[in-house]
């Protein structure tokens, strides 16, 4: 990142509504993450049917001093059909200035904050007008409502288009030993070229690394177990995140667990540097083949 410092591991709040936590329990989770070094929190307006940001904000309002110890990230641009957004007739994408501004205002209110440290456009809108969106970003930044901007799930060319109009700070992408696309489709190459650090969603393949019964999941799990035993008992979570952190584009993984022990395992990955051969062992298990 250029003028934005995120924590080496980001706490994802997308499942917060599923955890059914009281305000004190939510506050304990937030404070526990911060104590462990996960000071950045990843949101999106749509999470929990447009309810997660308010749940987080309700907890933050109970201890507002925590706001200056964290970085708040949100995403917008997906419109879901839900009772919480009765004006949405169909599921669609919307990157218009009006929608982005309305989404930011709603997120600020829900989160009980006066600013977002980072705003991402959640999905590439086929009707995205780069000039219009760039003007919107500039206005939001000049008003102090959003300090930095990026995108999520864009192609390399879509990123390049918007970045040509307004300097983007990051690109949030899916990547794990079971989802290798960014290593081949040019998105990681582009970010390394621009010296921008990607954020990584689903770095543990949505749990498939632990529970998947398909051939590749089993192969990766076997390699991680053997490697963990050899490397002093490192967990599969730690090794999978260390595999990502070994990439030269210096990605920032987003994890989404209510278990603070998972945060400890994640932070342990920041102190473990895999050898190139061990990195390729995991890659080969996930790819299902040797290098060409």
Protein backbone atom coordinates (compact mmCIF):
# COMPACT_ATOMS: atom_id res chain seq x y z
CA UNK A 1 0.00 0.00 0.00
CA UNK A 2 1.15 3.55 -0.56
CA UNK A 3 -0.29 5.83 2.14
CA UNK A 4 -2.44 3.18 3.83
CA UNK A 5 -1.00 0.67 6.25
CA UNK A 6 -3.14 -2.43 6.74
CA UNK A 7 -2.37 -5.16 9.23
CA UNK A 8 -0.49 -8.18 7.78
CA UNK A 9 -3.65 -10.27 8.24
CA UNK A 10 -7.09 -8.66 7.89
CA UNK A 11 -10.09 -9.72 9.99
CA UNK A 12 -13.07 -10.47 7.76
CA UNK A 13 -16.45 -9.62 9.26
CA UNK A 14 -18.66 -11.17 6.59
CA UNK A 15 -19.97 -13.94 8.90
CA UNK A 16 -20.57 -11.68 11.90
CA UNK A 17 -24.36 -11.94 11.68
CA UNK A 18 -24.16 -15.76 11.62
CA UNK A 19 -22.21 -15.85 14.88
CA UNK A 20 -25.18 -14.54 16.88
CA UNK A 21 -22.97 -12.58 19.27
CA UNK A 22 -24.13 -10.10 21.86
CA UNK A 23 -22.69 -6.58 21.82
CA UNK A 24 -20.12 -7.45 24.53
CA UNK A 25 -19.15 -10.60 22.61
CA UNK A 26 -18.75 -8.65 19.37
CA UNK A 27 -16.67 -6.08 21.20
CA UNK A 28 -14.49 -8.84 22.69
CA UNK A 29 -13.90 -10.27 19.21
CA UNK A 30 -12.95 -6.86 17.80
CA UNK A 31 -10.64 -6.07 20.71
CA UNK A 32 -9.15 -9.57 20.60
CA UNK A 33 -8.30 -9.20 16.93
CA UNK A 34 -6.66 -5.83 17.55
CA UNK A 35 -4.63 -7.23 20.46
CA UNK A 36 -3.31 -9.96 18.16
CA UNK A 37 -2.29 -7.53 15.44
CA UNK A 38 -5.31 -7.81 13.16
CA UNK A 39 -6.15 -4.12 13.20
CA UNK A 40 -7.83 -4.00 9.77
CA UNK A 41 -11.45 -5.12 9.39
CA UNK A 42 -12.98 -6.08 6.05
CA UNK A 43 -16.66 -5.33 5.40
CA UNK A 44 -19.06 -4.99 2.50
CA UNK A 45 -22.43 -3.32 2.51
CA UNK A 46 -24.13 -6.58 1.41
CA UNK A 47 -22.71 -8.79 4.17
CA UNK A 48 -25.39 -10.44 6.27
CA UNK A 49 -28.13 -9.08 4.03
CA UNK A 50 -26.90 -5.51 4.62
CA UNK A 51 -26.79 -6.04 8.41
CA UNK A 52 -23.17 -6.86 9.35
CA UNK A 53 -21.87 -3.29 9.27
CA UNK A 54 -24.58 -2.21 11.71
CA UNK A 55 -23.76 -5.09 14.05
CA UNK A 56 -20.09 -4.12 14.01
CA UNK A 57 -20.92 -0.44 14.39
CA UNK A 58 -23.18 -1.12 17.36
CA UNK A 59 -20.25 -2.78 19.13
CA UNK A 60 -17.87 -0.02 18.10
CA UNK A 61 -20.24 2.60 19.49
CA UNK A 62 -19.94 0.88 22.87
CA UNK A 63 -16.20 1.60 22.87
CA UNK A 64 -15.56 4.35 20.30
CA UNK A 65 -11.92 4.71 21.30
CA UNK A 66 -11.18 1.54 19.33
CA UNK A 67 -11.85 3.37 16.06
CA UNK A 68 -8.46 5.03 16.03
CA UNK A 69 -6.77 1.67 16.59
CA UNK A 70 -8.23 0.10 13.44
CA UNK A 71 -8.60 0.46 9.70
CA UNK A 72 -12.10 0.02 8.29
CA UNK A 73 -12.53 -1.41 4.80
CA UNK A 74 -15.83 -1.70 2.99
CA UNK A 75 -17.03 -2.68 -0.45
CA UNK A 76 -20.00 -1.62 -2.54
CA UNK A 77 -21.38 -2.05 -6.03
CA UNK A 78 -23.43 -5.25 -5.69
CA UNK A 79 -27.18 -4.76 -5.40
CA UNK A 80 -29.01 -7.68 -3.80
CA UNK A 81 -32.76 -8.18 -3.60
CA UNK A 82 -33.60 -8.15 0.09
CA UNK A 83 -36.17 -6.60 2.41
CA UNK A 84 -33.36 -4.34 3.64
CA UNK A 85 -33.11 -2.81 0.16
CA UNK A 86 -36.68 -2.79 -1.22
CA UNK A 87 -35.70 -0.52 -4.12
CA UNK A 88 -33.53 -3.27 -5.67
CA UNK A 89 -35.72 -5.02 -8.24
CA UNK A 90 -33.08 -7.54 -9.41
CA UNK A 91 -29.59 -8.62 -8.45
CA UNK A 92 -27.24 -6.39 -10.40
CA UNK A 93 -24.05 -4.35 -10.22
CA UNK A 94 -23.99 -0.57 -9.92
CA UNK A 95 -20.87 1.58 -9.94
CA UNK A 96 -22.66 4.84 -10.67
CA UNK A 97 -21.63 7.85 -8.62
CA UNK A 98 -25.08 8.05 -7.06
CA UNK A 99 -25.02 4.45 -5.89
CA UNK A 100 -21.44 4.56 -4.62
CA UNK A 101 -22.07 7.75 -2.66
CA UNK A 102 -25.31 6.39 -1.18
CA UNK A 103 -23.53 3.17 -0.23
CA UNK A 104 -20.70 5.06 1.47
CA UNK A 105 -23.12 7.22 3.44
CA UNK A 106 -25.02 4.11 4.57
CA UNK A 107 -21.80 2.34 5.58
CA UNK A 108 -20.54 5.33 7.56
CA UNK A 109 -23.83 5.52 9.44
CA UNK A 110 -23.96 1.75 10.11
CA UNK A 111 -20.35 1.58 11.27
CA UNK A 112 -20.63 4.65 13.52
CA UNK A 113 -17.63 6.29 11.89
CA UNK A 114 -16.88 9.45 9.96
CA UNK A 115 -14.54 7.80 7.46
CA UNK A 116 -13.63 4.60 5.65
CA UNK A 117 -9.93 3.91 5.40
CA UNK A 118 -10.47 1.94 2.19
CA UNK A 119 -13.40 1.49 -0.19
CA UNK A 120 -13.45 -1.23 -2.84
CA UNK A 121 -15.76 -1.66 -5.81
CA UNK A 122 -16.96 -5.18 -5.08
CA UNK A 123 -17.46 -6.58 -8.60
CA UNK A 124 -16.73 -5.26 -12.11
CA UNK A 125 -19.83 -3.50 -13.38
CA UNK A 126 -20.25 -3.86 -17.15
CA UNK A 127 -21.64 -0.32 -17.18
CA UNK A 128 -18.74 1.14 -15.19
CA UNK A 129 -17.90 4.65 -16.39
CA UNK A 130 -14.29 5.15 -15.29
CA UNK A 131 -14.41 8.94 -15.57
CA UNK A 132 -17.62 9.23 -13.55
CA UNK A 133 -16.38 6.86 -10.87
CA UNK A 134 -13.02 8.64 -10.65
CA UNK A 135 -14.81 11.95 -10.06
CA UNK A 136 -16.89 10.31 -7.34
CA UNK A 137 -13.77 8.92 -5.67
CA UNK A 138 -12.10 12.31 -5.77
CA UNK A 139 -15.11 14.00 -4.19
CA UNK A 140 -15.41 11.41 -1.43
CA UNK A 141 -11.71 11.75 -0.69
CA UNK A 142 -11.83 15.55 -0.64
CA UNK A 143 -14.72 15.35 1.84
CA UNK A 144 -12.68 13.02 4.07
CA UNK A 145 -15.32 10.29 3.91
CA UNK A 146 -13.09 7.74 2.14
CA UNK A 147 -9.31 7.93 2.37
CA UNK A 148 -8.26 5.26 -0.16
CA UNK A 149 -9.82 3.26 -2.98
CA UNK A 150 -9.44 -0.08 -4.72
CA UNK A 151 -11.40 -2.83 -6.40
CA UNK A 152 -12.28 -6.48 -5.91
CA UNK A 153 -12.62 -9.34 -8.40
CA UNK A 154 -11.65 -7.27 -11.45
CA UNK A 155 -9.65 -8.56 -14.39
CA UNK A 156 -6.23 -7.06 -15.02
CA UNK A 157 -7.60 -4.95 -17.89
CA UNK A 158 -10.55 -3.72 -15.83
CA UNK A 159 -8.15 -2.73 -13.05
CA UNK A 160 -5.91 -0.95 -15.57
CA UNK A 161 -8.84 1.05 -16.95
CA UNK A 162 -9.98 2.45 -13.61
CA UNK A 163 -6.42 2.90 -12.37
CA UNK A 164 -5.71 5.05 -15.45
CA UNK A 165 -8.32 7.52 -14.20
CA UNK A 166 -7.74 7.33 -10.44
CA UNK A 167 -4.84 5.76 -8.50
CA UNK A 168 -6.04 2.56 -6.86
CA UNK A 169 -4.41 1.18 -3.72
CA UNK A 170 -5.23 -2.53 -3.90
CA UNK A 171 -7.12 -5.32 -5.63
CA UNK A 172 -8.93 -7.91 -3.49
CA UNK A 173 -8.90 -11.31 -5.16
CA UNK A 174 -9.62 -14.94 -4.37
CA UNK A 175 -6.51 -17.08 -4.06
CA UNK A 176 -5.53 -20.23 -2.17
CA UNK A 177 -3.72 -23.49 -2.91
CA UNK A 178 -7.07 -24.60 -4.36
CA UNK A 179 -7.69 -21.43 -6.40
CA UNK A 180 -4.62 -20.55 -8.42
CA UNK A 181 -6.09 -18.28 -11.11
CA UNK A 182 -4.36 -15.02 -10.08
CA UNK A 183 -0.99 -16.72 -10.55
CA UNK A 184 -1.80 -17.29 -14.22
CA UNK A 185 -4.24 -14.61 -15.36
CA UNK A 186 -1.94 -11.60 -15.02
CA UNK A 187 -3.55 -9.95 -11.99
CA UNK A 188 -0.70 -10.69 -9.58
CA UNK A 189 1.86 -9.77 -12.25
CA UNK A 190 0.12 -6.44 -12.76
CA UNK A 191 0.07 -5.66 -9.04
CA UNK A 192 3.73 -6.52 -8.62
CA UNK A 193 4.52 -4.31 -11.61
CA UNK A 194 2.63 -1.43 -9.98
CA UNK A 195 4.08 -2.24 -6.52
CA UNK A 196 0.57 -2.61 -5.10
CA UNK A 197 -0.29 -5.29 -2.58
CA UNK A 198 -3.36 -7.45 -3.26
CA UNK A 199 -5.80 -8.46 -0.56
CA UNK A 200 -6.82 -12.12 -0.61
CA UNK A 201 -10.30 -13.40 0.14
CA UNK A 202 -11.01 -17.08 0.85
CA UNK A 203 -7.31 -17.84 1.49
CA UNK A 204 -8.32 -21.18 3.04
CA UNK A 205 -10.59 -22.06 0.10
CA UNK A 206 -13.74 -21.54 2.13
CA UNK A 207 -12.76 -24.40 4.42
CA UNK A 208 -12.11 -26.91 1.64
CA UNK A 209 -8.50 -27.15 2.80
CA UNK A 210 -9.79 -28.81 5.97
CA UNK A 211 -12.98 -30.59 4.89
CA UNK A 212 -12.86 -31.07 1.12
CA UNK A 213 -13.08 -34.66 -0.11
CA UNK A 214 -12.08 -34.02 -3.73
CA UNK A 215 -8.70 -35.21 -4.99
CA UNK A 216 -6.95 -31.84 -4.90
CA UNK A 217 -8.21 -30.95 -1.42
CA UNK A 218 -6.98 -34.28 -0.09
CA UNK A 219 -3.62 -33.83 -1.81
CA UNK A 220 -3.08 -30.35 -0.39
CA UNK A 221 -4.16 -31.48 3.08
CA UNK A 222 -1.68 -34.36 2.96
CA UNK A 223 1.19 -32.06 1.95
CA UNK A 224 0.29 -29.53 4.64
CA UNK A 225 0.16 -32.25 7.31
CA UNK A 226 3.55 -33.66 6.31
CA UNK A 227 5.06 -30.18 6.10
CA UNK A 228 3.59 -29.11 9.43
CA UNK A 229 5.16 -32.08 11.18
CA UNK A 230 8.51 -31.32 9.60
CA UNK A 231 8.30 -27.61 10.46
CA UNK A 232 7.69 -27.96 14.17
CA UNK A 233 3.96 -28.49 14.28
CA UNK A 234 2.80 -25.55 12.14
CA UNK A 235 -0.94 -25.79 11.54
CA UNK A 236 -2.55 -26.12 8.12
CA UNK A 237 -3.92 -22.58 8.51
CA UNK A 238 -0.47 -21.18 9.25
CA UNK A 239 1.11 -23.03 6.32
CA UNK A 240 -1.61 -22.09 3.83
CA UNK A 241 -1.27 -18.42 4.74
CA UNK A 242 2.54 -18.63 4.72
CA UNK A 243 2.21 -20.02 1.17
CA UNK A 244 0.36 -16.86 0.17
CA UNK A 245 2.71 -14.55 2.03
CA UNK A 246 5.66 -16.08 0.13
CA UNK A 247 4.37 -14.51 -3.11
CA UNK A 248 6.46 -11.55 -4.34
CA UNK A 249 3.40 -9.30 -4.68
CA UNK A 250 3.18 -9.42 -0.84
CA UNK A 251 -0.52 -10.22 -0.48
CA UNK A 252 -2.61 -9.46 2.60
CA UNK A 253 -4.93 -12.39 3.49
CA UNK A 254 -8.41 -11.83 4.89
CA UNK A 255 -9.58 -14.44 7.40
CA UNK A 256 -13.12 -14.71 8.74
CA UNK A 257 -13.24 -16.70 11.94
CA UNK A 258 -14.80 -15.86 15.29
CA UNK A 259 -12.13 -18.03 16.92
CA UNK A 260 -9.31 -15.85 18.19
CA UNK A 261 -7.10 -18.95 18.06
CA UNK A 262 -7.47 -18.76 14.29
CA UNK A 263 -6.09 -15.23 14.43
CA UNK A 264 -3.10 -16.54 16.38
CA UNK A 265 -2.50 -19.24 13.75
CA UNK A 266 -2.81 -16.64 11.01
CA UNK A 267 -0.32 -14.25 12.59
CA UNK A 268 2.11 -17.16 13.04
CA UNK A 269 2.29 -17.30 9.24
CA UNK A 270 3.93 -13.86 9.20
CA UNK A 271 6.93 -15.39 11.00
CA UNK A 272 7.26 -18.47 8.80
CA UNK A 273 8.96 -18.17 5.40
CA UNK A 274 8.57 -21.26 3.26
CA UNK A 275 11.40 -22.41 1.06
CA UNK A 276 10.78 -22.24 -2.68
CA UNK A 277 10.64 -26.04 -2.82
CA UNK A 278 8.04 -26.22 -0.06
CA UNK A 279 6.03 -23.51 -1.83
CA UNK A 280 6.05 -25.57 -5.01
CA UNK A 281 5.11 -28.73 -3.11
CA UNK A 282 1.89 -27.02 -2.04
CA UNK A 283 1.35 -25.55 -5.51
CA UNK A 284 1.75 -28.94 -7.18
CA UNK A 285 -0.75 -30.54 -4.80
CA UNK A 286 -3.26 -27.81 -5.56
CA UNK A 287 -2.63 -27.78 -9.30
CA UNK A 288 -2.67 -31.56 -9.53
CA UNK A 289 0.51 -31.65 -11.60
CA UNK A 290 4.19 -30.89 -11.63
CA UNK A 291 5.50 -27.69 -13.19
CA UNK A 292 5.72 -27.95 -16.95
